[in-house]
Amino acid sequence: MSFKKLIEPLNDALKRKGFETPLAFQKQALSKIKGGANLFGIAQTGSGKTTTLVISVIQKLKGIAFGDSPRALIIVKDKQSALDLENEFKTFTNQTDLRVYCAYEERTIDAQRDEIYVGVDIVIATPKRLNKLFFLNGIHVSEMQLCIVEDAEFLFKGNGFSEVSRIAESIGKCQYVVFSTTFDSRFKKWQDTFMYNSQIIKTN
């Protein structure tokens, strides 16, 4: 998939950033995500995974804000990862009206629940805070179209894997994408449940 097939705001943002052609990983992953596949994208740092994530979400939502409930969810390791990804989204969404929100520890859960309730399109969240929001009915998933795990290696430290598994099982039918540098054998559990018929792409 070439960058030319993306919506105009994305093409404009890519030109401003000096991106002319997709990297090898991006070329494979963008087309599969656009086609609706559940996907494990396995590639090393510098392969363009984060840019692929951002482009895919904006393209999926057509760059247009809609309703109150989030339509895309991105699960990240920690607060800093959430803030870094939010900044990356800002460079691509300034010609759209998409609403991006970060949910992480260190802020009161009531404040975050109220802010999400006002209306967001994309939520970037840590697993612990996301689970707490679910428990308090602070985030509705009925309109969710895309759920992504960024840099999924963090899942295998502490309770990350079980926390994210509970979230995915709560969402139900949705397109799932996992980006990682390696394919861990524990991912096979997801292939048997909510990521059925998933595809795997790997690049060096």
C-alpha atoms as a PDB file:
ATOM      1  CA  MET A   1       0.000   0.000   0.000  1.00  0.00           C
ATOM      2  CA  SER A   2       1.395   3.392  -0.969  1.00  0.00           C
ATOM      3  CA  PHE A   3       0.958   6.607   0.967  1.00  0.00           C
ATOM      4  CA  LYS A   4      -1.036   7.974  -1.988  1.00  0.00           C
ATOM      5  CA  LYS A   5      -4.004   5.785  -1.044  1.00  0.00           C
ATOM      6  CA  LEU A   6      -4.434   7.539   2.307  1.00  0.00           C
ATOM      7  CA  ILE A   7      -6.872  10.320   3.114  1.00  0.00           C
ATOM      8  CA  GLU A   8      -5.698  13.842   2.270  1.00  0.00           C
ATOM      9  CA  PRO A   9      -4.866  15.025   5.831  1.00  0.00           C
ATOM     10  CA  LEU A  10      -2.547  12.044   6.249  1.00  0.00           C
ATOM     11  CA  ASN A  11      -0.830  12.615   2.920  1.00  0.00           C
ATOM     12  CA  ASP A  12      -0.299  16.260   3.808  1.00  0.00           C
ATOM     13  CA  ALA A  13       1.182  15.321   7.198  1.00  0.00           C
ATOM     14  CA  LEU A  14       3.517  12.754   5.631  1.00  0.00           C
ATOM     15  CA  LYS A  15       4.765  15.320   3.118  1.00  0.00           C
ATOM     16  CA  ARG A  16       5.459  17.808   5.914  1.00  0.00           C
ATOM     17  CA  LYS A  17       7.469  15.144   7.738  1.00  0.00           C
ATOM     18  CA  GLY A  18       9.392  14.261   4.584  1.00  0.00           C
ATOM     19  CA  PHE A  19       8.012  10.731   4.168  1.00  0.00           C
ATOM     20  CA  GLU A  20       7.737   9.864   0.486  1.00  0.00           C
ATOM     21  CA  THR A  21       7.434   6.070   0.326  1.00  0.00           C
ATOM     22  CA  PRO A  22       6.517   3.447   2.942  1.00  0.00           C
ATOM     23  CA  LEU A  23       9.196   1.353   4.608  1.00  0.00           C
ATOM     24  CA  ALA A  24       9.061  -2.407   4.051  1.00  0.00           C
ATOM     25  CA  PHE A  25       7.111  -3.051   7.262  1.00  0.00           C
ATOM     26  CA  GLN A  26       4.706  -0.184   6.593  1.00  0.00           C
ATOM     27  CA  LYS A  27       3.947  -1.361   3.076  1.00  0.00           C
ATOM     28  CA  GLN A  28       2.816  -4.756   4.372  1.00  0.00           C
ATOM     29  CA  ALA A  29       1.109  -3.691   7.569  1.00  0.00           C
ATOM     30  CA  LEU A  30      -0.851  -0.689   6.288  1.00  0.00           C
ATOM     31  CA  SER A  31      -2.627  -2.691   3.588  1.00  0.00           C
ATOM     32  CA  LYS A  32      -3.516  -5.558   5.933  1.00  0.00           C
ATOM     33  CA  ILE A  33      -4.837  -3.265   8.663  1.00  0.00           C
ATOM     34  CA  LYS A  34      -6.825  -1.284   6.122  1.00  0.00           C
ATOM     35  CA  GLY A  35      -8.288  -4.582   4.902  1.00  0.00           C
ATOM     36  CA  GLY A  36      -9.567  -5.324   8.421  1.00  0.00           C
ATOM     37  CA  ALA A  37      -7.223  -8.165   9.385  1.00  0.00           C
ATOM     38  CA  ASN A  38      -6.329  -9.039  12.953  1.00  0.00           C
ATOM     39  CA  LEU A  39      -2.565  -8.648  12.831  1.00  0.00           C
ATOM     40  CA  PHE A  40       0.664  -9.338  14.681  1.00  0.00           C
ATOM     41  CA  GLY A  41       3.281  -6.956  13.301  1.00  0.00           C
ATOM     42  CA  ILE A  42       6.753  -8.136  14.290  1.00  0.00           C
ATOM     43  CA  ALA A  43       9.633  -5.800  13.474  1.00  0.00           C
ATOM     44  CA  GLN A  44      12.628  -4.143  15.046  1.00  0.00           C
ATOM     45  CA  THR A  45      12.878  -0.587  16.358  1.00  0.00           C
ATOM     46  CA  GLY A  46      13.151   1.874  13.472  1.00  0.00           C
ATOM     47  CA  SER A  47      10.957  -0.150  11.125  1.00  0.00           C
ATOM     48  CA  GLY A  48       8.112   2.371  11.268  1.00  0.00           C
ATOM     49  CA  LYS A  49       5.723   0.557  13.612  1.00  0.00           C
ATOM     50  CA  THR A  50       4.598   3.688  15.487  1.00  0.00           C
ATOM     51  CA  THR A  51       3.949   5.667  12.307  1.00  0.00           C
ATOM     52  CA  THR A  52       2.055   2.665  10.926  1.00  0.00           C
ATOM     53  CA  LEU A  53      -0.075   2.634  14.073  1.00  0.00           C
ATOM     54  CA  VAL A  54      -0.910   6.332  13.864  1.00  0.00           C
ATOM     55  CA  ILE A  55      -1.666   6.276  10.138  1.00  0.00           C
ATOM     56  CA  SER A  56      -3.829   3.156  10.451  1.00  0.00           C
ATOM     57  CA  VAL A  57      -5.978   4.595  13.236  1.00  0.00           C
ATOM     58  CA  ILE A  58      -6.556   7.925  11.500  1.00  0.00           C
ATOM     59  CA  GLN A  59      -7.295   6.194   8.188  1.00  0.00           C
ATOM     60  CA  LYS A  60      -9.717   3.776   9.875  1.00  0.00           C
ATOM     61  CA  LEU A  61     -11.617   6.669  11.472  1.00  0.00           C
ATOM     62  CA  LYS A  62     -11.449   8.667   8.215  1.00  0.00           C
ATOM     63  CA  GLY A  63     -10.016  11.614  10.117  1.00  0.00           C
ATOM     64  CA  ILE A  64     -13.482  12.545  11.364  1.00  0.00           C
ATOM     65  CA  ALA A  65     -14.741  12.881  14.940  1.00  0.00           C
ATOM     66  CA  PHE A  66     -17.980  11.017  15.567  1.00  0.00           C
ATOM     67  CA  GLY A  67     -20.234  10.494  18.575  1.00  0.00           C
ATOM     68  CA  ASP A  68     -19.031  10.278  22.165  1.00  0.00           C
ATOM     69  CA  SER A  69     -17.679   6.735  22.580  1.00  0.00           C
ATOM     70  CA  PRO A  70     -14.083   5.927  21.579  1.00  0.00           C
ATOM     71  CA  ARG A  71     -13.627   4.012  18.336  1.00  0.00           C
ATOM     72  CA  ALA A  72      -9.931   3.237  18.691  1.00  0.00           C
ATOM     73  CA  LEU A  73      -8.010   2.044  21.739  1.00  0.00           C
ATOM     74  CA  ILE A  74      -4.218   1.861  22.001  1.00  0.00           C
ATOM     75  CA  ILE A  75      -2.671   0.109  24.995  1.00  0.00           C
ATOM     76  CA  VAL A  76       0.848   1.196  25.956  1.00  0.00           C
ATOM     77  CA  LYS A  77       3.429   0.400  28.612  1.00  0.00           C
ATOM     78  CA  ASP A  78       3.329   3.503  30.810  1.00  0.00           C
ATOM     79  CA  LYS A  79       2.540   7.210  31.126  1.00  0.00           C
ATOM     80  CA  GLN A  80       5.567   8.354  29.128  1.00  0.00           C
ATOM     81  CA  SER A  81       4.722   5.991  26.281  1.00  0.00           C
ATOM     82  CA  ALA A  82       1.171   7.353  26.268  1.00  0.00           C
ATOM     83  CA  LEU A  83       2.324  10.971  26.151  1.00  0.00           C
ATOM     84  CA  ASP A  84       4.900  10.254  23.437  1.00  0.00           C
ATOM     85  CA  LEU A  85       2.274   8.553  21.291  1.00  0.00           C
ATOM     86  CA  GLU A  86      -0.189  11.383  21.882  1.00  0.00           C
ATOM     87  CA  ASN A  87       2.414  13.851  20.579  1.00  0.00           C
ATOM     88  CA  GLU A  88       2.930  11.692  17.502  1.00  0.00           C
ATOM     89  CA  PHE A  89      -0.808  11.707  16.857  1.00  0.00           C
ATOM     90  CA  LYS A  90      -0.875  15.500  17.122  1.00  0.00           C
ATOM     91  CA  THR A  91       1.536  15.822  14.209  1.00  0.00           C
ATOM     92  CA  PHE A  92      -0.854  13.820  12.018  1.00  0.00           C
ATOM     93  CA  THR A  93      -4.267  15.044  13.221  1.00  0.00           C
ATOM     94  CA  ASN A  94      -3.890  18.823  13.092  1.00  0.00           C
ATOM     95  CA  GLN A  95      -5.951  18.920   9.891  1.00  0.00           C
ATOM     96  CA  THR A  96      -8.663  16.684  11.361  1.00  0.00           C
ATOM     97  CA  ASP A  97     -11.093  17.055  14.254  1.00  0.00           C
ATOM     98  CA  LEU A  98     -10.206  13.711  15.851  1.00  0.00           C
ATOM     99  CA  ARG A  99     -10.083  13.779  19.655  1.00  0.00           C
ATOM    100  CA  VAL A 100      -7.171  11.918  21.279  1.00  0.00           C
ATOM    101  CA  TYR A 101      -7.129  11.205  25.022  1.00  0.00           C
ATOM    102  CA  CYS A 102      -4.467   9.710  27.351  1.00  0.00           C
ATOM    103  CA  ALA A 103      -5.502   7.678  30.406  1.00  0.00           C
ATOM    104  CA  TYR A 104      -2.765   6.783  32.887  1.00  0.00           C
ATOM    105  CA  GLU A 105      -1.992   6.619  36.581  1.00  0.00           C
ATOM    106  CA  GLU A 106      -1.100   9.789  38.510  1.00  0.00           C
ATOM    107  CA  ARG A 107      -4.427  11.468  37.724  1.00  0.00           C
ATOM    108  CA  THR A 108      -7.710  10.925  39.537  1.00  0.00           C
ATOM    109  CA  ILE A 109      -9.897   8.262  37.999  1.00  0.00           C
ATOM    110  CA  ASP A 110     -13.028  10.401  38.399  1.00  0.00           C
ATOM    111  CA  ALA A 111     -11.504  13.231  36.371  1.00  0.00           C
ATOM    112  CA  GLN A 112     -10.478  10.877  33.591  1.00  0.00           C
ATOM    113  CA  ARG A 113     -13.861   9.190  33.533  1.00  0.00           C
ATOM    114  CA  ASP A 114     -15.600  12.569  33.211  1.00  0.00           C
ATOM    115  CA  GLU A 115     -13.251  13.737  30.456  1.00  0.00           C
ATOM    116  CA  ILE A 116     -13.775  10.559  28.425  1.00  0.00           C
ATOM    117  CA  TYR A 117     -17.538  10.866  28.915  1.00  0.00           C
ATOM    118  CA  VAL A 118     -17.521  14.273  27.185  1.00  0.00           C
ATOM    119  CA  GLY A 119     -16.473  12.511  23.995  1.00  0.00           C
ATOM    120  CA  VAL A 120     -13.272  11.104  22.472  1.00  0.00           C
ATOM    121  CA  ASP A 121     -12.364   9.168  19.336  1.00  0.00           C
ATOM    122  CA  ILE A 122      -9.003   7.645  20.304  1.00  0.00           C
ATOM    123  CA  VAL A 123      -7.933   6.529  23.771  1.00  0.00           C
ATOM    124  CA  ILE A 124      -4.289   5.811  24.584  1.00  0.00           C
ATOM    125  CA  ALA A 125      -4.071   4.031  27.937  1.00  0.00           C
ATOM    126  CA  THR A 126      -1.970   1.962  30.298  1.00  0.00           C
ATOM    127  CA  PRO A 127      -3.429  -1.461  31.199  1.00  0.00           C
ATOM    128  CA  LYS A 128      -3.932  -0.747  34.906  1.00  0.00           C
ATOM    129  CA  ARG A 129      -5.774   2.516  34.363  1.00  0.00           C
ATOM    130  CA  LEU A 130      -7.829   1.046  31.532  1.00  0.00           C
ATOM    131  CA  ASN A 131      -8.923  -1.901  33.673  1.00  0.00           C
ATOM    132  CA  LYS A 132      -9.977   0.476  36.423  1.00  0.00           C
ATOM    133  CA  LEU A 133     -11.977   2.589  33.963  1.00  0.00           C
ATOM    134  CA  PHE A 134     -13.723  -0.558  32.728  1.00  0.00           C
ATOM    135  CA  PHE A 135     -14.513  -1.612  36.294  1.00  0.00           C
ATOM    136  CA  LEU A 136     -16.092   1.785  36.991  1.00  0.00           C
ATOM    137  CA  ASN A 137     -17.960   1.831  33.656  1.00  0.00           C
ATOM    138  CA  GLY A 138     -15.847   4.844  32.762  1.00  0.00           C
ATOM    139  CA  ILE A 139     -15.256   3.869  29.159  1.00  0.00           C
ATOM    140  CA  HIS A 140     -17.803   2.480  26.711  1.00  0.00           C
ATOM    141  CA  VAL A 141     -16.641   0.068  24.035  1.00  0.00           C
ATOM    142  CA  SER A 142     -19.818  -0.440  22.011  1.00  0.00           C
ATOM    143  CA  GLU A 143     -18.426   1.613  19.104  1.00  0.00           C
ATOM    144  CA  MET A 144     -14.864   0.260  19.244  1.00  0.00           C
ATOM    145  CA  GLN A 145     -13.443  -0.513  15.810  1.00  0.00           C
ATOM    146  CA  LEU A 146      -9.737  -0.940  16.427  1.00  0.00           C
ATOM    147  CA  CYS A 147      -7.719  -2.108  19.444  1.00  0.00           C
ATOM    148  CA  ILE A 148      -3.913  -1.933  19.273  1.00  0.00           C
ATOM    149  CA  VAL A 149      -1.130  -2.965  21.651  1.00  0.00           C
ATOM    150  CA  GLU A 150       2.033  -0.900  21.097  1.00  0.00           C
ATOM    151  CA  ASP A 151       5.480  -2.366  21.853  1.00  0.00           C
ATOM    152  CA  ALA A 152       3.858  -5.448  23.367  1.00  0.00           C
ATOM    153  CA  GLU A 153       7.022  -6.777  25.028  1.00  0.00           C
ATOM    154  CA  PHE A 154       5.955  -5.044  28.242  1.00  0.00           C
ATOM    155  CA  LEU A 155       3.025  -7.446  28.572  1.00  0.00           C
ATOM    156  CA  PHE A 156       5.221 -10.211  29.914  1.00  0.00           C
ATOM    157  CA  LYS A 157       6.357  -8.352  33.007  1.00  0.00           C
ATOM    158  CA  GLY A 158       3.997  -8.343  35.964  1.00  0.00           C
ATOM    159  CA  ASN A 159       0.286  -8.733  35.195  1.00  0.00           C
ATOM    160  CA  GLY A 160       0.304  -6.986  31.823  1.00  0.00           C
ATOM    161  CA  PHE A 161      -0.708  -9.990  29.730  1.00  0.00           C
ATOM    162  CA  SER A 162      -3.708 -10.939  31.877  1.00  0.00           C
ATOM    163  CA  GLU A 163      -4.810  -7.300  32.192  1.00  0.00           C
ATOM    164  CA  VAL A 164      -4.828  -6.754  28.449  1.00  0.00           C
ATOM    165  CA  SER A 165      -6.512 -10.132  27.879  1.00  0.00           C
ATOM    166  CA  ARG A 166      -9.377  -9.079  30.169  1.00  0.00           C
ATOM    167  CA  ILE A 167      -9.746  -5.798  28.295  1.00  0.00           C
ATOM    168  CA  ALA A 168      -9.867  -7.484  24.892  1.00  0.00           C
ATOM    169  CA  GLU A 169     -12.396 -10.052  26.063  1.00  0.00           C
ATOM    170  CA  SER A 170     -14.577  -7.204  27.381  1.00  0.00           C
ATOM    171  CA  ILE A 171     -14.533  -5.404  24.042  1.00  0.00           C
ATOM    172  CA  GLY A 172     -15.632  -8.394  22.032  1.00  0.00           C
ATOM    173  CA  LYS A 173     -15.862  -8.031  18.243  1.00  0.00           C
ATOM    174  CA  CYS A 174     -13.228  -5.581  17.051  1.00  0.00           C
ATOM    175  CA  GLN A 175     -10.126  -5.466  14.857  1.00  0.00           C
ATOM    176  CA  TYR A 176      -7.002  -6.226  16.906  1.00  0.00           C
ATOM    177  CA  VAL A 177      -3.423  -5.284  16.071  1.00  0.00           C
ATOM    178  CA  VAL A 178      -0.335  -6.116  18.142  1.00  0.00           C
ATOM    179  CA  PHE A 179       3.077  -4.584  17.440  1.00  0.00           C
ATOM    180  CA  SER A 180       6.179  -6.174  18.952  1.00  0.00           C
ATOM    181  CA  THR A 181       9.828  -6.921  18.224  1.00  0.00           C
ATOM    182  CA  THR A 182       9.280 -10.655  18.818  1.00  0.00           C
ATOM    183  CA  PHE A 183       6.420 -13.127  18.586  1.00  0.00           C
ATOM    184  CA  ASP A 184       6.043 -14.555  22.073  1.00  0.00           C
ATOM    185  CA  SER A 185       4.530 -18.032  22.373  1.00  0.00           C
ATOM    186  CA  ARG A 186       1.924 -16.650  24.762  1.00  0.00           C
ATOM    187  CA  PHE A 187       0.379 -14.725  21.858  1.00  0.00           C
ATOM    188  CA  LYS A 188      -0.987 -18.065  20.659  1.00  0.00           C
ATOM    189  CA  LYS A 189      -3.609 -17.834  23.401  1.00  0.00           C
ATOM    190  CA  TRP A 190      -4.936 -14.685  21.757  1.00  0.00           C
ATOM    191  CA  GLN A 191      -4.926 -16.391  18.352  1.00  0.00           C
ATOM    192  CA  ASP A 192      -7.302 -18.974  19.797  1.00  0.00           C
ATOM    193  CA  THR A 193      -9.674 -16.367  21.247  1.00  0.00           C
ATOM    194  CA  PHE A 194     -10.252 -12.756  20.201  1.00  0.00           C
ATOM    195  CA  MET A 195      -7.509 -12.685  17.529  1.00  0.00           C
ATOM    196  CA  TYR A 196      -8.834 -15.631  15.552  1.00  0.00           C
ATOM    197  CA  ASN A 197      -7.768 -15.768  11.900  1.00  0.00           C
ATOM    198  CA  SER A 198      -4.985 -13.331  12.716  1.00  0.00           C
ATOM    199  CA  GLN A 199      -2.103 -12.803  10.304  1.00  0.00           C
ATOM    200  CA  ILE A 200       1.570 -12.400  11.169  1.00  0.00           C
ATOM    201  CA  ILE A 201       4.004 -10.209   9.293  1.00  0.00           C
ATOM    202  CA  LYS A 202       7.693 -10.100  10.132  1.00  0.00           C
ATOM    203  CA  THR A 203      10.470  -7.890   8.822  1.00  0.00           C
ATOM    204  CA  ASN A 204      14.105  -7.581   9.834  1.00  0.00           C
END
